[in-house]
Amino acid sequence: MYTKTTKSINITVNPCYLDEQSEPEEHHYVWAYQVTINNLGQETVQLMNRYWKIIDSNGTKQEIKGEGVVGEQPILKPGEKFEYTSGTPLSTPSG
């Protein structure tokens, strides 16, 4: 699990290997990741954009950016959280 707090917004990412969708003999390893965004501050905030840098164990980078997450731009009042799950394939077993 990975966690980071910036400006009273805590992001936690919990990766999970998806064995049933992976094909190691083809160098295709699929990972899901559950993301929790928690507003620890005193102001209402809205997630407008996302930016992820995913690096496999060979150092190959993927950059993912765009509006919102999973088709949403959630608004979080103080103390509220938003959770979603997404995924990515890697060409190495870890990253």
PDB file of N, CA and C in Angstrom:
ATOM      1  N   MET A   1       0.855  -1.171   0.000  1.00  0.00           N
ATOM      2  CA  MET A   1       0.000   0.000   0.000  1.00  0.00           C
ATOM      3  C   MET A   1       0.903   1.236   0.000  1.00  0.00           C
ATOM      4  N   TYR A   2       0.467   2.249  -0.702  1.00  0.00           N
ATOM      5  CA  TYR A   2       1.188   3.511  -0.799  1.00  0.00           C
ATOM      6  C   TYR A   2       0.249   4.631  -0.349  1.00  0.00           C
ATOM      7  N   THR A   3       0.781   5.582   0.398  1.00  0.00           N
ATOM      8  CA  THR A   3      -0.041   6.690   0.857  1.00  0.00           C
ATOM      9  C   THR A   3       0.756   7.985   0.850  1.00  0.00           C
ATOM     10  N   LYS A   4       0.066   9.084   0.552  1.00  0.00           N
ATOM     11  CA  LYS A   4       0.687  10.405   0.489  1.00  0.00           C
ATOM     12  C   LYS A   4      -0.378  11.433   0.835  1.00  0.00           C
ATOM     13  N   THR A   5       0.002  12.418   1.658  1.00  0.00           N
ATOM     14  CA  THR A   5      -0.900  13.518   1.990  1.00  0.00           C
ATOM     15  C   THR A   5      -0.286  14.813   1.499  1.00  0.00           C
ATOM     16  N   THR A   6      -1.047  15.563   0.723  1.00  0.00           N
ATOM     17  CA  THR A   6      -0.624  16.864   0.213  1.00  0.00           C
ATOM     18  C   THR A   6      -1.787  17.832   0.390  1.00  0.00           C
ATOM     19  N   LYS A   7      -1.504  18.957   1.022  1.00  0.00           N
ATOM     20  CA  LYS A   7      -2.523  19.995   1.237  1.00  0.00           C
ATOM     21  C   LYS A   7      -3.824  19.425   1.798  1.00  0.00           C
ATOM     22  N   SER A   8      -3.709  18.582   2.812  1.00  0.00           N
ATOM     23  CA  SER A   8      -4.852  17.989   3.530  1.00  0.00           C
ATOM     24  C   SER A   8      -5.654  16.983   2.712  1.00  0.00           C
ATOM     25  N   ILE A   9      -5.108  16.546   1.581  1.00  0.00           N
ATOM     26  CA  ILE A   9      -5.766  15.492   0.801  1.00  0.00           C
ATOM     27  C   ILE A   9      -4.882  14.251   0.878  1.00  0.00           C
ATOM     28  N   ASN A  10      -5.437  13.177   1.431  1.00  0.00           N
ATOM     29  CA  ASN A  10      -4.697  11.926   1.560  1.00  0.00           C
ATOM     30  C   ASN A  10      -5.118  10.978   0.443  1.00  0.00           C
ATOM     31  N   ILE A  11      -4.123  10.461  -0.263  1.00  0.00           N
ATOM     32  CA  ILE A  11      -4.352   9.483  -1.332  1.00  0.00           C
ATOM     33  C   ILE A  11      -3.705   8.173  -0.893  1.00  0.00           C
ATOM     34  N   THR A  12      -4.468   7.094  -0.914  1.00  0.00           N
ATOM     35  CA  THR A  12      -3.935   5.770  -0.621  1.00  0.00           C
ATOM     36  C   THR A  12      -4.190   4.885  -1.832  1.00  0.00           C
ATOM     37  N   VAL A  13      -3.145   4.167  -2.247  1.00  0.00           N
ATOM     38  CA  VAL A  13      -3.250   3.255  -3.391  1.00  0.00           C
ATOM     39  C   VAL A  13      -2.866   1.861  -2.916  1.00  0.00           C
ATOM     40  N   ASN A  14      -3.744   0.911  -3.173  1.00  0.00           N
ATOM     41  CA  ASN A  14      -3.506  -0.467  -2.778  1.00  0.00           C
ATOM     42  C   ASN A  14      -3.506  -1.340  -4.042  1.00  0.00           C
ATOM     43  N   PRO A  15      -2.310  -1.735  -4.522  1.00  0.00           N
ATOM     44  CA  PRO A  15      -2.244  -2.557  -5.737  1.00  0.00           C
ATOM     45  C   PRO A  15      -2.552  -4.028  -5.452  1.00  0.00           C
ATOM     46  N   CYS A  16      -3.062  -4.707  -6.486  1.00  0.00           N
ATOM     47  CA  CYS A  16      -3.407  -6.121  -6.363  1.00  0.00           C
ATOM     48  C   CYS A  16      -3.137  -6.807  -7.704  1.00  0.00           C
ATOM     49  N   TYR A  17      -2.325  -7.845  -7.694  1.00  0.00           N
ATOM     50  CA  TYR A  17      -2.007  -8.598  -8.903  1.00  0.00           C
ATOM     51  C   TYR A  17      -3.208  -9.443  -9.324  1.00  0.00           C
ATOM     52  N   LEU A  18      -3.541  -9.401 -10.608  1.00  0.00           N
ATOM     53  CA  LEU A  18      -4.681 -10.157 -11.132  1.00  0.00           C
ATOM     54  C   LEU A  18      -4.167 -11.359 -11.923  1.00  0.00           C
ATOM     55  N   ASP A  19      -3.978 -12.445 -11.222  1.00  0.00           N
ATOM     56  CA  ASP A  19      -3.419 -13.661 -11.806  1.00  0.00           C
ATOM     57  C   ASP A  19      -4.254 -14.169 -12.978  1.00  0.00           C
ATOM     58  N   GLU A  20      -5.590 -14.138 -12.824  1.00  0.00           N
ATOM     59  CA  GLU A  20      -6.475 -14.701 -13.849  1.00  0.00           C
ATOM     60  C   GLU A  20      -6.476 -13.905 -15.157  1.00  0.00           C
ATOM     61  N   GLN A  21      -6.027 -12.649 -15.128  1.00  0.00           N
ATOM     62  CA  GLN A  21      -5.963 -11.826 -16.342  1.00  0.00           C
ATOM     63  C   GLN A  21      -4.539 -11.710 -16.898  1.00  0.00           C
ATOM     64  N   SER A  22      -3.588 -12.250 -16.171  1.00  0.00           N
ATOM     65  CA  SER A  22      -2.180 -12.134 -16.565  1.00  0.00           C
ATOM     66  C   SER A  22      -1.734 -13.349 -17.362  1.00  0.00           C
ATOM     67  N   GLU A  23      -0.735 -13.139 -18.200  1.00  0.00           N
ATOM     68  CA  GLU A  23      -0.120 -14.209 -18.985  1.00  0.00           C
ATOM     69  C   GLU A  23       1.394 -14.053 -18.895  1.00  0.00           C
ATOM     70  N   PRO A  24       1.985 -14.578 -17.806  1.00  0.00           N
ATOM     71  CA  PRO A  24       3.426 -14.394 -17.593  1.00  0.00           C
ATOM     72  C   PRO A  24       4.297 -14.876 -18.755  1.00  0.00           C
ATOM     73  N   GLU A  25       3.886 -15.954 -19.420  1.00  0.00           N
ATOM     74  CA  GLU A  25       4.678 -16.456 -20.557  1.00  0.00           C
ATOM     75  C   GLU A  25       4.703 -15.454 -21.715  1.00  0.00           C
ATOM     76  N   GLU A  26       3.749 -14.540 -21.730  1.00  0.00           N
ATOM     77  CA  GLU A  26       3.674 -13.480 -22.753  1.00  0.00           C
ATOM     78  C   GLU A  26       4.192 -12.137 -22.208  1.00  0.00           C
ATOM     79  N   HIS A  27       4.746 -12.143 -21.002  1.00  0.00           N
ATOM     80  CA  HIS A  27       5.217 -10.916 -20.331  1.00  0.00           C
ATOM     81  C   HIS A  27       4.069  -9.903 -20.189  1.00  0.00           C
ATOM     82  N   HIS A  28       2.929 -10.410 -19.764  1.00  0.00           N
ATOM     83  CA  HIS A  28       1.722  -9.591 -19.583  1.00  0.00           C
ATOM     84  C   HIS A  28       1.213  -9.812 -18.156  1.00  0.00           C
ATOM     85  N   TYR A  29       1.425  -8.815 -17.308  1.00  0.00           N
ATOM     86  CA  TYR A  29       1.065  -8.895 -15.893  1.00  0.00           C
ATOM     87  C   TYR A  29       0.060  -7.789 -15.600  1.00  0.00           C
ATOM     88  N   VAL A  30      -1.135  -8.158 -15.171  1.00  0.00           N
ATOM     89  CA  VAL A  30      -2.199  -7.178 -14.960  1.00  0.00           C
ATOM     90  C   VAL A  30      -2.342  -6.889 -13.465  1.00  0.00           C
ATOM     91  N   TRP A  31      -2.375  -5.598 -13.166  1.00  0.00           N
ATOM     92  CA  TRP A  31      -2.517  -5.126 -11.796  1.00  0.00           C
ATOM     93  C   TRP A  31      -3.752  -4.245 -11.681  1.00  0.00           C
ATOM     94  N   ALA A  32      -4.521  -4.458 -10.627  1.00  0.00           N
ATOM     95  CA  ALA A  32      -5.599  -3.534 -10.271  1.00  0.00           C
ATOM     96  C   ALA A  32      -5.075  -2.676  -9.126  1.00  0.00           C
ATOM     97  N   TYR A  33      -5.630  -1.496  -9.007  1.00  0.00           N
ATOM     98  CA  TYR A  33      -5.268  -0.669  -7.864  1.00  0.00           C
ATOM     99  C   TYR A  33      -6.519   0.042  -7.355  1.00  0.00           C
ATOM    100  N   GLN A  34      -6.706  -0.070  -6.043  1.00  0.00           N
ATOM    101  CA  GLN A  34      -7.812   0.620  -5.392  1.00  0.00           C
ATOM    102  C   GLN A  34      -7.264   1.934  -4.840  1.00  0.00           C
ATOM    103  N   VAL A  35      -7.933   3.015  -5.187  1.00  0.00           N
ATOM    104  CA  VAL A  35      -7.508   4.348  -4.783  1.00  0.00           C
ATOM    105  C   VAL A  35      -8.548   4.930  -3.835  1.00  0.00           C
ATOM    106  N   THR A  36      -8.081   5.451  -2.713  1.00  0.00           N
ATOM    107  CA  THR A  36      -8.949   6.145  -1.765  1.00  0.00           C
ATOM    108  C   THR A  36      -8.448   7.576  -1.635  1.00  0.00           C
ATOM    109  N   ILE A  37      -9.332   8.532  -1.874  1.00  0.00           N
ATOM    110  CA  ILE A  37      -9.029   9.958  -1.754  1.00  0.00           C
ATOM    111  C   ILE A  37      -9.815  10.460  -0.560  1.00  0.00           C
ATOM    112  N   ASN A  38      -9.101  10.974   0.447  1.00  0.00           N
ATOM    113  CA  ASN A  38      -9.728  11.377   1.695  1.00  0.00           C
ATOM    114  C   ASN A  38      -9.437  12.852   1.955  1.00  0.00           C
ATOM    115  N   ASN A  39     -10.495  13.644   2.108  1.00  0.00           N
ATOM    116  CA  ASN A  39     -10.343  15.078   2.378  1.00  0.00           C
ATOM    117  C   ASN A  39     -10.185  15.277   3.885  1.00  0.00           C
ATOM    118  N   LEU A  40      -8.957  15.535   4.326  1.00  0.00           N
ATOM    119  CA  LEU A  40      -8.661  15.744   5.739  1.00  0.00           C
ATOM    120  C   LEU A  40      -8.748  17.214   6.127  1.00  0.00           C
ATOM    121  N   GLY A  41      -9.005  18.081   5.154  1.00  0.00           N
ATOM    122  CA  GLY A  41      -9.005  19.522   5.389  1.00  0.00           C
ATOM    123  C   GLY A  41     -10.341  20.060   5.853  1.00  0.00           C
ATOM    124  N   GLN A  42     -10.417  21.382   5.896  1.00  0.00           N
ATOM    125  CA  GLN A  42     -11.608  22.083   6.364  1.00  0.00           C
ATOM    126  C   GLN A  42     -12.430  22.678   5.220  1.00  0.00           C
ATOM    127  N   GLU A  43     -11.971  22.511   3.990  1.00  0.00           N
ATOM    128  CA  GLU A  43     -12.657  23.075   2.827  1.00  0.00           C
ATOM    129  C   GLU A  43     -13.156  21.969   1.910  1.00  0.00           C
ATOM    130  N   THR A  44     -14.245  22.246   1.197  1.00  0.00           N
ATOM    131  CA  THR A  44     -14.745  21.331   0.175  1.00  0.00           C
ATOM    132  C   THR A  44     -13.824  21.413  -1.039  1.00  0.00           C
ATOM    133  N   VAL A  45     -13.490  20.258  -1.607  1.00  0.00           N
ATOM    134  CA  VAL A  45     -12.592  20.196  -2.764  1.00  0.00           C
ATOM    135  C   VAL A  45     -13.230  19.355  -3.863  1.00  0.00           C
ATOM    136  N   GLN A  46     -12.723  19.528  -5.087  1.00  0.00           N
ATOM    137  CA  GLN A  46     -13.189  18.714  -6.207  1.00  0.00           C
ATOM    138  C   GLN A  46     -11.986  18.199  -6.977  1.00  0.00           C
ATOM    139  N   LEU A  47     -12.012  16.916  -7.287  1.00  0.00           N
ATOM    140  CA  LEU A  47     -10.971  16.321  -8.107  1.00  0.00           C
ATOM    141  C   LEU A  47     -11.288  16.645  -9.566  1.00  0.00           C
ATOM    142  N   MET A  48     -10.441  17.440 -10.187  1.00  0.00           N
ATOM    143  CA  MET A  48     -10.678  17.864 -11.563  1.00  0.00           C
ATOM    144  C   MET A  48      -9.900  17.007 -12.575  1.00  0.00           C
ATOM    145  N   ASN A  49      -8.654  16.673 -12.244  1.00  0.00           N
ATOM    146  CA  ASN A  49      -7.775  15.946 -13.163  1.00  0.00           C
ATOM    147  C   ASN A  49      -6.989  14.895 -12.405  1.00  0.00           C
ATOM    148  N   ARG A  50      -6.463  13.934 -13.146  1.00  0.00           N
ATOM    149  CA  ARG A  50      -5.596  12.922 -12.553  1.00  0.00           C
ATOM    150  C   ARG A  50      -4.283  12.864 -13.321  1.00  0.00           C
ATOM    151  N   TYR A  51      -3.248  12.438 -12.627  1.00  0.00           N
ATOM    152  CA  TYR A  51      -1.945  12.210 -13.246  1.00  0.00           C
ATOM    153  C   TYR A  51      -1.265  11.072 -12.497  1.00  0.00           C
ATOM    154  N   TRP A  52      -0.993  10.003 -13.203  1.00  0.00           N
ATOM    155  CA  TRP A  52      -0.299   8.855 -12.636  1.00  0.00           C
ATOM    156  C   TRP A  52       0.951   8.583 -13.446  1.00  0.00           C
ATOM    157  N   LYS A  53       2.020   8.274 -12.768  1.00  0.00           N
ATOM    158  CA  LYS A  53       3.240   7.795 -13.418  1.00  0.00           C
ATOM    159  C   LYS A  53       3.454   6.375 -12.903  1.00  0.00           C
ATOM    160  N   ILE A  54       3.375   5.407 -13.809  1.00  0.00           N
ATOM    161  CA  ILE A  54       3.518   3.998 -13.454  1.00  0.00           C
ATOM    162  C   ILE A  54       4.822   3.520 -14.076  1.00  0.00           C
ATOM    163  N   ILE A  55       5.684   2.930 -13.252  1.00  0.00           N
ATOM    164  CA  ILE A  55       7.004   2.499 -13.697  1.00  0.00           C
ATOM    165  C   ILE A  55       7.146   1.012 -13.400  1.00  0.00           C
ATOM    166  N   ASP A  56       7.447   0.209 -14.445  1.00  0.00           N
ATOM    167  CA  ASP A  56       7.641  -1.217 -14.204  1.00  0.00           C
ATOM    168  C   ASP A  56       9.063  -1.468 -13.698  1.00  0.00           C
ATOM    169  N   SER A  57       9.377  -2.720 -13.383  1.00  0.00           N
ATOM    170  CA  SER A  57      10.675  -3.022 -12.776  1.00  0.00           C
ATOM    171  C   SER A  57      11.846  -2.882 -13.754  1.00  0.00           C
ATOM    172  N   ASN A  58      11.560  -2.687 -15.045  1.00  0.00           N
ATOM    173  CA  ASN A  58      12.611  -2.381 -16.025  1.00  0.00           C
ATOM    174  C   ASN A  58      12.835  -0.878 -16.147  1.00  0.00           C
ATOM    175  N   GLY A  59      12.004  -0.084 -15.469  1.00  0.00           N
ATOM    176  CA  GLY A  59      12.115   1.366 -15.560  1.00  0.00           C
ATOM    177  C   GLY A  59      11.274   1.978 -16.666  1.00  0.00           C
ATOM    178  N   THR A  60      10.478   1.170 -17.360  1.00  0.00           N
ATOM    179  CA  THR A  60       9.591   1.684 -18.403  1.00  0.00           C
ATOM    180  C   THR A  60       8.461   2.465 -17.748  1.00  0.00           C
ATOM    181  N   LYS A  61       8.228   3.693 -18.233  1.00  0.00           N
ATOM    182  CA  LYS A  61       7.235   4.576 -17.622  1.00  0.00           C
ATOM    183  C   LYS A  61       5.975   4.673 -18.479  1.00  0.00           C
ATOM    184  N   GLN A  62       4.838   4.699 -17.802  1.00  0.00           N
ATOM    185  CA  GLN A  62       3.550   5.035 -18.419  1.00  0.00           C
ATOM    186  C   GLN A  62       3.046   6.277 -17.700  1.00  0.00           C
ATOM    187  N   GLU A  63       2.575   7.244 -18.445  1.00  0.00           N
ATOM    188  CA  GLU A  63       1.973   8.422 -17.838  1.00  0.00           C
ATOM    189  C   GLU A  63       0.502   8.448 -18.216  1.00  0.00           C
ATOM    190  N   ILE A  64      -0.330   8.557 -17.205  1.00  0.00           N
ATOM    191  CA  ILE A  64      -1.776   8.570 -17.414  1.00  0.00           C
ATOM    192  C   ILE A  64      -2.305   9.879 -16.859  1.00  0.00           C
ATOM    193  N   LYS A  65      -2.969  10.642 -17.713  1.00  0.00           N
ATOM    194  CA  LYS A  65      -3.544  11.897 -17.262  1.00  0.00           C
ATOM    195  C   LYS A  65      -4.848  12.148 -17.980  1.00  0.00           C
ATOM    196  N   GLY A  66      -5.681  12.932 -17.345  1.00  0.00           N
ATOM    197  CA  GLY A  66      -6.959  13.257 -17.949  1.00  0.00           C
ATOM    198  C   GLY A  66      -7.889  13.876 -16.926  1.00  0.00           C
ATOM    199  N   GLU A  67      -9.092  14.137 -17.361  1.00  0.00           N
ATOM    200  CA  GLU A  67     -10.097  14.733 -16.481  1.00  0.00           C
ATOM    201  C   GLU A  67     -10.654  13.684 -15.538  1.00  0.00           C
ATOM    202  N   GLY A  68     -10.797  14.056 -14.275  1.00  0.00           N
ATOM    203  CA  GLY A  68     -11.448  13.215 -13.284  1.00  0.00           C
ATOM    204  C   GLY A  68     -10.863  11.823 -13.169  1.00  0.00           C
ATOM    205  N   VAL A  69     -11.642  10.935 -12.556  1.00  0.00           N
ATOM    206  CA  VAL A  69     -11.285   9.527 -12.426  1.00  0.00           C
ATOM    207  C   VAL A  69     -12.529   8.692 -12.677  1.00  0.00           C
ATOM    208  N   VAL A  70     -12.384   7.606 -13.378  1.00  0.00           N
ATOM    209  CA  VAL A  70     -13.483   6.695 -13.739  1.00  0.00           C
ATOM    210  C   VAL A  70     -14.746   7.444 -14.151  1.00  0.00           C
ATOM    211  N   GLY A  71     -14.570   8.482 -14.969  1.00  0.00           N
ATOM    212  CA  GLY A  71     -15.705   9.238 -15.490  1.00  0.00           C
ATOM    213  C   GLY A  71     -16.339  10.209 -14.514  1.00  0.00           C
ATOM    214  N   GLU A  72     -15.702  10.434 -13.382  1.00  0.00           N
ATOM    215  CA  GLU A  72     -16.277  11.328 -12.373  1.00  0.00           C
ATOM    216  C   GLU A  72     -15.271  12.403 -11.966  1.00  0.00           C
ATOM    217  N   GLN A  73     -15.792  13.513 -11.479  1.00  0.00           N
ATOM    218  CA  GLN A  73     -15.008  14.580 -10.866  1.00  0.00           C
ATOM    219  C   GLN A  73     -15.611  14.817  -9.479  1.00  0.00           C
ATOM    220  N   PRO A  74     -15.316  13.900  -8.547  1.00  0.00           N
ATOM    221  CA  PRO A  74     -16.006  13.923  -7.255  1.00  0.00           C
ATOM    222  C   PRO A  74     -15.742  15.189  -6.438  1.00  0.00           C
ATOM    223  N   ILE A  75     -16.773  15.613  -5.724  1.00  0.00           N
ATOM    224  CA  ILE A  75     -16.681  16.730  -4.784  1.00  0.00           C
ATOM    225  C   ILE A  75     -16.646  16.118  -3.388  1.00  0.00           C
ATOM    226  N   LEU A  76     -15.635  16.520  -2.606  1.00  0.00           N
ATOM    227  CA  LEU A  76     -15.456  15.969  -1.269  1.00  0.00           C
ATOM    228  C   LEU A  76     -15.541  17.074  -0.224  1.00  0.00           C
ATOM    229  N   LYS A  77     -16.541  16.977   0.621  1.00  0.00           N
ATOM    230  CA  LYS A  77     -16.648  17.894   1.756  1.00  0.00           C
ATOM    231  C   LYS A  77     -15.618  17.463   2.808  1.00  0.00           C
ATOM    232  N   PRO A  78     -15.320  18.328   3.777  1.00  0.00           N
ATOM    233  CA  PRO A  78     -14.383  17.942   4.837  1.00  0.00           C
ATOM    234  C   PRO A  78     -14.780  16.606   5.477  1.00  0.00           C
ATOM    235  N   GLY A  79     -13.797  15.714   5.577  1.00  0.00           N
ATOM    236  CA  GLY A  79     -14.037  14.404   6.174  1.00  0.00           C
ATOM    237  C   GLY A  79     -14.561  13.347   5.227  1.00  0.00           C
ATOM    238  N   GLU A  80     -14.938  13.718   4.008  1.00  0.00           N
ATOM    239  CA  GLU A  80     -15.466  12.739   3.053  1.00  0.00           C
ATOM    240  C   GLU A  80     -14.332  12.074   2.280  1.00  0.00           C
ATOM    241  N   LYS A  81     -14.652  10.881   1.747  1.00  0.00           N
ATOM    242  CA  LYS A  81     -13.683  10.180   0.912  1.00  0.00           C
ATOM    243  C   LYS A  81     -14.364   9.625  -0.328  1.00  0.00           C
ATOM    244  N   PHE A  82     -13.536   9.338  -1.319  1.00  0.00           N
ATOM    245  CA  PHE A  82     -14.006   8.770  -2.581  1.00  0.00           C
ATOM    246  C   PHE A  82     -13.082   7.611  -2.912  1.00  0.00           C
ATOM    247  N   GLU A  83     -13.662   6.482  -3.304  1.00  0.00           N
ATOM    248  CA  GLU A  83     -12.864   5.307  -3.643  1.00  0.00           C
ATOM    249  C   GLU A  83     -13.201   4.847  -5.055  1.00  0.00           C
ATOM    250  N   TYR A  84     -12.184   4.378  -5.748  1.00  0.00           N
ATOM    251  CA  TYR A  84     -12.406   3.776  -7.053  1.00  0.00           C
ATOM    252  C   TYR A  84     -11.325   2.746  -7.321  1.00  0.00           C
ATOM    253  N   THR A  85     -11.580   1.882  -8.284  1.00  0.00           N
ATOM    254  CA  THR A  85     -10.624   0.849  -8.682  1.00  0.00           C
ATOM    255  C   THR A  85     -10.359   0.979 -10.166  1.00  0.00           C
ATOM    256  N   SER A  86      -9.099   0.842 -10.536  1.00  0.00           N
ATOM    257  CA  SER A  86      -8.692   0.864 -11.929  1.00  0.00           C
ATOM    258  C   SER A  86      -7.605  -0.185 -12.100  1.00  0.00           C
ATOM    259  N   GLY A  87      -6.951  -0.197 -13.231  1.00  0.00           N
ATOM    260  CA  GLY A  87      -5.911  -1.192 -13.448  1.00  0.00           C
ATOM    261  C   GLY A  87      -4.985  -0.836 -14.585  1.00  0.00           C
ATOM    262  N   THR A  88      -3.916  -1.608 -14.680  1.00  0.00           N
ATOM    263  CA  THR A  88      -2.947  -1.412 -15.751  1.00  0.00           C
ATOM    264  C   THR A  88      -2.177  -2.687 -16.005  1.00  0.00           C
ATOM    265  N   PRO A  89      -1.839  -2.963 -17.258  1.00  0.00           N
ATOM    266  CA  PRO A  89      -0.949  -4.079 -17.538  1.00  0.00           C
ATOM    267  C   PRO A  89       0.507  -3.608 -17.472  1.00  0.00           C
ATOM    268  N   LEU A  90       1.372  -4.497 -17.026  1.00  0.00           N
ATOM    269  CA  LEU A  90       2.813  -4.249 -17.039  1.00  0.00           C
ATOM    270  C   LEU A  90       3.490  -5.365 -17.820  1.00  0.00           C
ATOM    271  N   SER A  91       4.672  -5.095 -18.322  1.00  0.00           N
ATOM    272  CA  SER A  91       5.428  -6.135 -19.030  1.00  0.00           C
ATOM    273  C   SER A  91       6.401  -6.855 -18.105  1.00  0.00           C
ATOM    274  N   THR A  92       6.420  -6.476 -16.840  1.00  0.00           N
ATOM    275  CA  THR A  92       7.243  -7.129 -15.836  1.00  0.00           C
ATOM    276  C   THR A  92       6.340  -7.527 -14.660  1.00  0.00           C
ATOM    277  N   PRO A  93       6.789  -8.471 -13.818  1.00  0.00           N
ATOM    278  CA  PRO A  93       5.951  -8.936 -12.714  1.00  0.00           C
ATOM    279  C   PRO A  93       5.673  -7.897 -11.648  1.00  0.00           C
ATOM    280  N   SER A  94       6.465  -6.842 -11.580  1.00  0.00           N
ATOM    281  CA  SER A  94       6.239  -5.824 -10.552  1.00  0.00           C
ATOM    282  C   SER A  94       6.585  -4.457 -11.112  1.00  0.00           C
ATOM    283  N   GLY A  95       6.235  -3.446 -10.335  1.00  0.00           N
ATOM    284  CA  GLY A  95       6.526  -2.089 -10.765  1.00  0.00           C
ATOM    285  C   GLY A  95       6.276  -1.120  -9.647  1.00  0.00           C
TER     286      GLY A  95
END
